[in-house]
Amino acid sequence: MMKPKKIPQTDSIRELAEFWDTHDLTDFEDELEEVREPVFQPGVTVPLTPRDAKIVNAIAKARGISPRALIQKWISERIEESLKPTVEP
């Protein structure tokens, strides 16, 4: 099997892990560059009850998206809702 000559340009942990399982970093020294700022953005972990997790998974599956994408969509919608000015009667 011929090994790629370039480091894959992907965010997939699985693809990168498979690549580095069969390649050596020293073979790509000419592609490396020093990075001074953080590479990964901090995230937020939200614990769900087993019931809520099951419901989120079912809704996401029904919509054909990942549970993560569904939760991100819900959060974005609530943020946008919260930014709308309220009208007092």
N, C-alpha and C. Protein backbone atom coordinates (compact mmCIF):
# COMPACT_ATOMS: atom_id res chain seq x y z
N MET A 1 0.85 -1.19 0.00
CA MET A 1 0.00 0.00 0.00
C MET A 1 0.89 1.25 0.00
N MET A 2 0.57 2.20 -0.87
CA MET A 2 1.35 3.43 -0.96
C MET A 2 0.86 4.41 0.10
N LYS A 3 1.81 5.00 0.82
CA LYS A 3 1.46 5.95 1.87
C LYS A 3 1.32 7.34 1.29
N PRO A 4 0.30 8.12 1.76
CA PRO A 4 0.16 9.50 1.28
C PRO A 4 1.41 10.32 1.60
N LYS A 5 1.71 11.28 0.74
CA LYS A 5 2.88 12.12 0.93
C LYS A 5 2.56 13.38 1.73
N LYS A 6 1.29 13.60 2.01
CA LYS A 6 0.86 14.80 2.74
C LYS A 6 0.02 14.39 3.94
N ILE A 7 0.07 15.20 4.98
CA ILE A 7 -0.78 14.99 6.15
C ILE A 7 -2.21 15.31 5.74
N PRO A 8 -3.17 14.44 6.07
CA PRO A 8 -4.56 14.72 5.68
C PRO A 8 -5.09 16.00 6.30
N GLN A 9 -5.85 16.75 5.54
CA GLN A 9 -6.47 17.98 6.02
C GLN A 9 -7.89 17.66 6.45
N THR A 10 -8.04 17.15 7.67
CA THR A 10 -9.34 16.75 8.16
C THR A 10 -9.44 17.03 9.65
N ASP A 11 -10.66 17.19 10.15
CA ASP A 11 -10.89 17.34 11.58
C ASP A 11 -11.35 16.01 12.19
N SER A 12 -11.41 14.98 11.37
CA SER A 12 -11.88 13.68 11.85
C SER A 12 -10.79 13.01 12.69
N ILE A 13 -11.09 12.82 13.97
CA ILE A 13 -10.15 12.16 14.87
C ILE A 13 -9.86 10.75 14.36
N ARG A 14 -10.91 10.07 13.89
CA ARG A 14 -10.74 8.70 13.40
C ARG A 14 -9.79 8.65 12.21
N GLU A 15 -10.01 9.53 11.23
CA GLU A 15 -9.13 9.54 10.04
C GLU A 15 -7.69 9.86 10.41
N LEU A 16 -7.51 10.84 11.29
CA LEU A 16 -6.16 11.20 11.69
C LEU A 16 -5.49 10.07 12.48
N ALA A 17 -6.25 9.41 13.36
CA ALA A 17 -5.69 8.30 14.13
C ALA A 17 -5.26 7.17 13.19
N GLU A 18 -6.10 6.85 12.21
CA GLU A 18 -5.75 5.80 11.25
C GLU A 18 -4.50 6.18 10.46
N PHE A 19 -4.41 7.46 10.08
CA PHE A 19 -3.25 7.94 9.33
C PHE A 19 -1.98 7.79 10.17
N TRP A 20 -2.02 8.29 11.42
CA TRP A 20 -0.82 8.27 12.25
C TRP A 20 -0.47 6.87 12.76
N ASP A 21 -1.42 5.95 12.70
CA ASP A 21 -1.11 4.55 13.05
C ASP A 21 -0.18 3.93 12.02
N THR A 22 -0.16 4.48 10.81
CA THR A 22 0.65 3.90 9.73
C THR A 22 1.73 4.85 9.20
N HIS A 23 1.91 5.98 9.85
CA HIS A 23 2.90 6.96 9.39
C HIS A 23 3.73 7.45 10.57
N ASP A 24 4.87 8.02 10.25
CA ASP A 24 5.77 8.55 11.27
C ASP A 24 5.91 10.05 11.10
N LEU A 25 5.84 10.78 12.20
CA LEU A 25 5.92 12.24 12.17
C LEU A 25 7.19 12.74 11.48
N THR A 26 8.27 12.03 11.65
CA THR A 26 9.54 12.48 11.06
C THR A 26 9.51 12.47 9.53
N ASP A 27 8.55 11.75 8.95
CA ASP A 27 8.43 11.74 7.49
C ASP A 27 7.77 13.02 6.96
N PHE A 28 7.27 13.86 7.86
CA PHE A 28 6.52 15.04 7.46
C PHE A 28 7.07 16.33 8.07
N GLU A 29 8.33 16.32 8.44
CA GLU A 29 8.94 17.48 9.08
C GLU A 29 8.82 18.74 8.24
N ASP A 30 8.84 18.61 6.92
CA ASP A 30 8.74 19.79 6.04
C ASP A 30 7.34 20.40 6.05
N GLU A 31 6.33 19.68 6.55
CA GLU A 31 4.96 20.20 6.62
C GLU A 31 4.61 20.78 7.99
N LEU A 32 5.46 20.56 8.97
CA LEU A 32 5.14 20.98 10.33
C LEU A 32 5.42 22.46 10.53
N GLU A 33 4.59 23.08 11.37
CA GLU A 33 4.81 24.48 11.73
C GLU A 33 4.44 24.66 13.19
N GLU A 34 5.13 25.57 13.83
CA GLU A 34 4.86 25.83 15.24
C GLU A 34 3.56 26.62 15.38
N VAL A 35 2.74 26.21 16.32
CA VAL A 35 1.48 26.89 16.59
C VAL A 35 1.56 27.41 18.02
N ARG A 36 1.41 28.71 18.18
CA ARG A 36 1.55 29.33 19.50
C ARG A 36 0.22 29.51 20.23
N GLU A 37 -0.88 29.61 19.49
CA GLU A 37 -2.18 29.79 20.12
C GLU A 37 -2.86 28.43 20.29
N PRO A 38 -3.87 28.35 21.15
CA PRO A 38 -4.56 27.08 21.36
C PRO A 38 -5.18 26.57 20.06
N VAL A 39 -5.10 25.28 19.84
CA VAL A 39 -5.64 24.67 18.63
C VAL A 39 -7.10 24.27 18.82
N PHE A 40 -7.42 23.77 19.99
CA PHE A 40 -8.77 23.31 20.26
C PHE A 40 -9.51 24.34 21.11
N GLN A 41 -10.74 24.61 20.73
CA GLN A 41 -11.57 25.53 21.49
C GLN A 41 -12.19 24.78 22.68
N PRO A 42 -12.25 25.44 23.83
CA PRO A 42 -12.87 24.76 24.97
C PRO A 42 -14.36 24.54 24.71
N GLY A 43 -14.87 23.46 25.22
CA GLY A 43 -16.28 23.13 25.04
C GLY A 43 -16.97 23.11 26.39
N VAL A 44 -18.22 22.80 26.35
CA VAL A 44 -19.02 22.71 27.56
C VAL A 44 -19.63 21.32 27.58
N THR A 45 -19.53 20.66 28.70
CA THR A 45 -20.16 19.35 28.86
C THR A 45 -21.45 19.55 29.63
N VAL A 46 -22.52 19.00 29.09
CA VAL A 46 -23.82 19.12 29.73
C VAL A 46 -24.31 17.71 30.07
N PRO A 47 -24.32 17.38 31.34
CA PRO A 47 -24.80 16.05 31.71
C PRO A 47 -26.31 15.96 31.52
N LEU A 48 -26.75 14.87 30.93
CA LEU A 48 -28.18 14.64 30.73
C LEU A 48 -28.59 13.40 31.53
N THR A 49 -29.83 13.40 31.95
CA THR A 49 -30.35 12.19 32.59
C THR A 49 -30.45 11.12 31.52
N PRO A 50 -30.45 9.86 31.90
CA PRO A 50 -30.60 8.81 30.89
C PRO A 50 -31.87 9.00 30.05
N ARG A 51 -32.95 9.43 30.69
CA ARG A 51 -34.21 9.67 29.97
C ARG A 51 -34.03 10.76 28.93
N ASP A 52 -33.44 11.90 29.34
CA ASP A 52 -33.24 13.01 28.40
C ASP A 52 -32.31 12.61 27.26
N ALA A 53 -31.25 11.89 27.58
CA ALA A 53 -30.31 11.45 26.54
C ALA A 53 -31.02 10.55 25.53
N LYS A 54 -31.87 9.66 26.02
CA LYS A 54 -32.61 8.76 25.13
C LYS A 54 -33.55 9.56 24.21
N ILE A 55 -34.19 10.56 24.76
CA ILE A 55 -35.11 11.40 23.97
C ILE A 55 -34.34 12.21 22.93
N VAL A 56 -33.24 12.81 23.33
CA VAL A 56 -32.42 13.59 22.40
C VAL A 56 -31.94 12.69 21.26
N ASN A 57 -31.46 11.50 21.59
CA ASN A 57 -31.00 10.56 20.56
C ASN A 57 -32.12 10.20 19.60
N ALA A 58 -33.32 9.97 20.12
CA ALA A 58 -34.46 9.60 19.27
C ALA A 58 -34.86 10.75 18.35
N ILE A 59 -34.91 11.96 18.88
CA ILE A 59 -35.27 13.12 18.07
C ILE A 59 -34.22 13.35 16.97
N ALA A 60 -32.95 13.27 17.36
CA ALA A 60 -31.87 13.46 16.39
C ALA A 60 -31.94 12.42 15.29
N LYS A 61 -32.15 11.17 15.67
CA LYS A 61 -32.25 10.10 14.67
C LYS A 61 -33.41 10.34 13.72
N ALA A 62 -34.55 10.76 14.26
CA ALA A 62 -35.73 11.04 13.43
C ALA A 62 -35.46 12.18 12.45
N ARG A 63 -34.61 13.13 12.84
CA ARG A 63 -34.29 14.27 11.96
C ARG A 63 -33.10 14.00 11.06
N GLY A 64 -32.46 12.84 11.26
CA GLY A 64 -31.31 12.48 10.43
C GLY A 64 -30.06 13.27 10.73
N ILE A 65 -29.92 13.71 11.99
CA ILE A 65 -28.72 14.46 12.39
C ILE A 65 -28.15 13.83 13.66
N SER A 66 -26.97 14.24 14.02
CA SER A 66 -26.36 13.71 15.24
C SER A 66 -26.98 14.39 16.47
N PRO A 67 -26.95 13.72 17.60
CA PRO A 67 -27.43 14.36 18.84
C PRO A 67 -26.68 15.67 19.11
N ARG A 68 -25.40 15.69 18.84
CA ARG A 68 -24.60 16.90 19.06
C ARG A 68 -25.12 18.05 18.19
N ALA A 69 -25.39 17.77 16.92
CA ALA A 69 -25.90 18.80 16.01
C ALA A 69 -27.26 19.31 16.48
N LEU A 70 -28.10 18.41 16.95
CA LEU A 70 -29.42 18.80 17.45
C LEU A 70 -29.30 19.73 18.65
N ILE A 71 -28.45 19.36 19.59
CA ILE A 71 -28.27 20.18 20.79
C ILE A 71 -27.68 21.54 20.42
N GLN A 72 -26.71 21.55 19.51
CA GLN A 72 -26.14 22.83 19.06
C GLN A 72 -27.20 23.71 18.42
N LYS A 73 -28.08 23.09 17.62
CA LYS A 73 -29.16 23.84 16.97
C LYS A 73 -30.10 24.44 18.02
N TRP A 74 -30.48 23.63 19.00
CA TRP A 74 -31.37 24.12 20.05
C TRP A 74 -30.74 25.27 20.82
N ILE A 75 -29.48 25.15 21.15
CA ILE A 75 -28.81 26.22 21.89
C ILE A 75 -28.75 27.49 21.05
N SER A 76 -28.39 27.37 19.78
CA SER A 76 -28.33 28.55 18.90
C SER A 76 -29.69 29.22 18.80
N GLU A 77 -30.76 28.42 18.68
CA GLU A 77 -32.10 28.98 18.60
C GLU A 77 -32.45 29.74 19.88
N ARG A 78 -32.11 29.19 21.03
CA ARG A 78 -32.41 29.86 22.30
C ARG A 78 -31.59 31.14 22.46
N ILE A 79 -30.36 31.12 22.01
CA ILE A 79 -29.52 32.33 22.08
C ILE A 79 -30.15 33.42 21.22
N GLU A 80 -30.54 33.08 20.00
CA GLU A 80 -31.17 34.07 19.12
C GLU A 80 -32.46 34.59 19.72
N GLU A 81 -33.24 33.71 20.31
CA GLU A 81 -34.49 34.10 20.99
C GLU A 81 -34.19 35.10 22.12
N SER A 82 -33.16 34.81 22.87
CA SER A 82 -32.80 35.64 24.02
C SER A 82 -32.31 37.02 23.60
N LEU A 83 -31.79 37.13 22.39
CA LEU A 83 -31.26 38.40 21.91
C LEU A 83 -32.35 39.32 21.35
N LYS A 84 -33.53 38.76 21.08
CA LYS A 84 -34.63 39.58 20.55
C LYS A 84 -35.13 40.51 21.64
N PRO A 85 -35.41 41.76 21.27
CA PRO A 85 -35.93 42.69 22.28
C PRO A 85 -37.34 42.26 22.72
N THR A 86 -37.59 42.43 23.98
CA THR A 86 -38.93 42.10 24.48
C THR A 86 -39.82 43.34 24.37
N VAL A 87 -41.06 43.12 24.05
CA VAL A 87 -42.01 44.20 23.90
C VAL A 87 -42.96 44.16 25.08
N GLU A 88 -42.99 45.25 25.82
CA GLU A 88 -43.89 45.31 26.98
C GLU A 88 -45.23 45.88 26.53
N PRO A 89 -46.35 45.32 27.06
CA PRO A 89 -47.69 45.81 26.66
C PRO A 89 -48.00 47.18 27.21
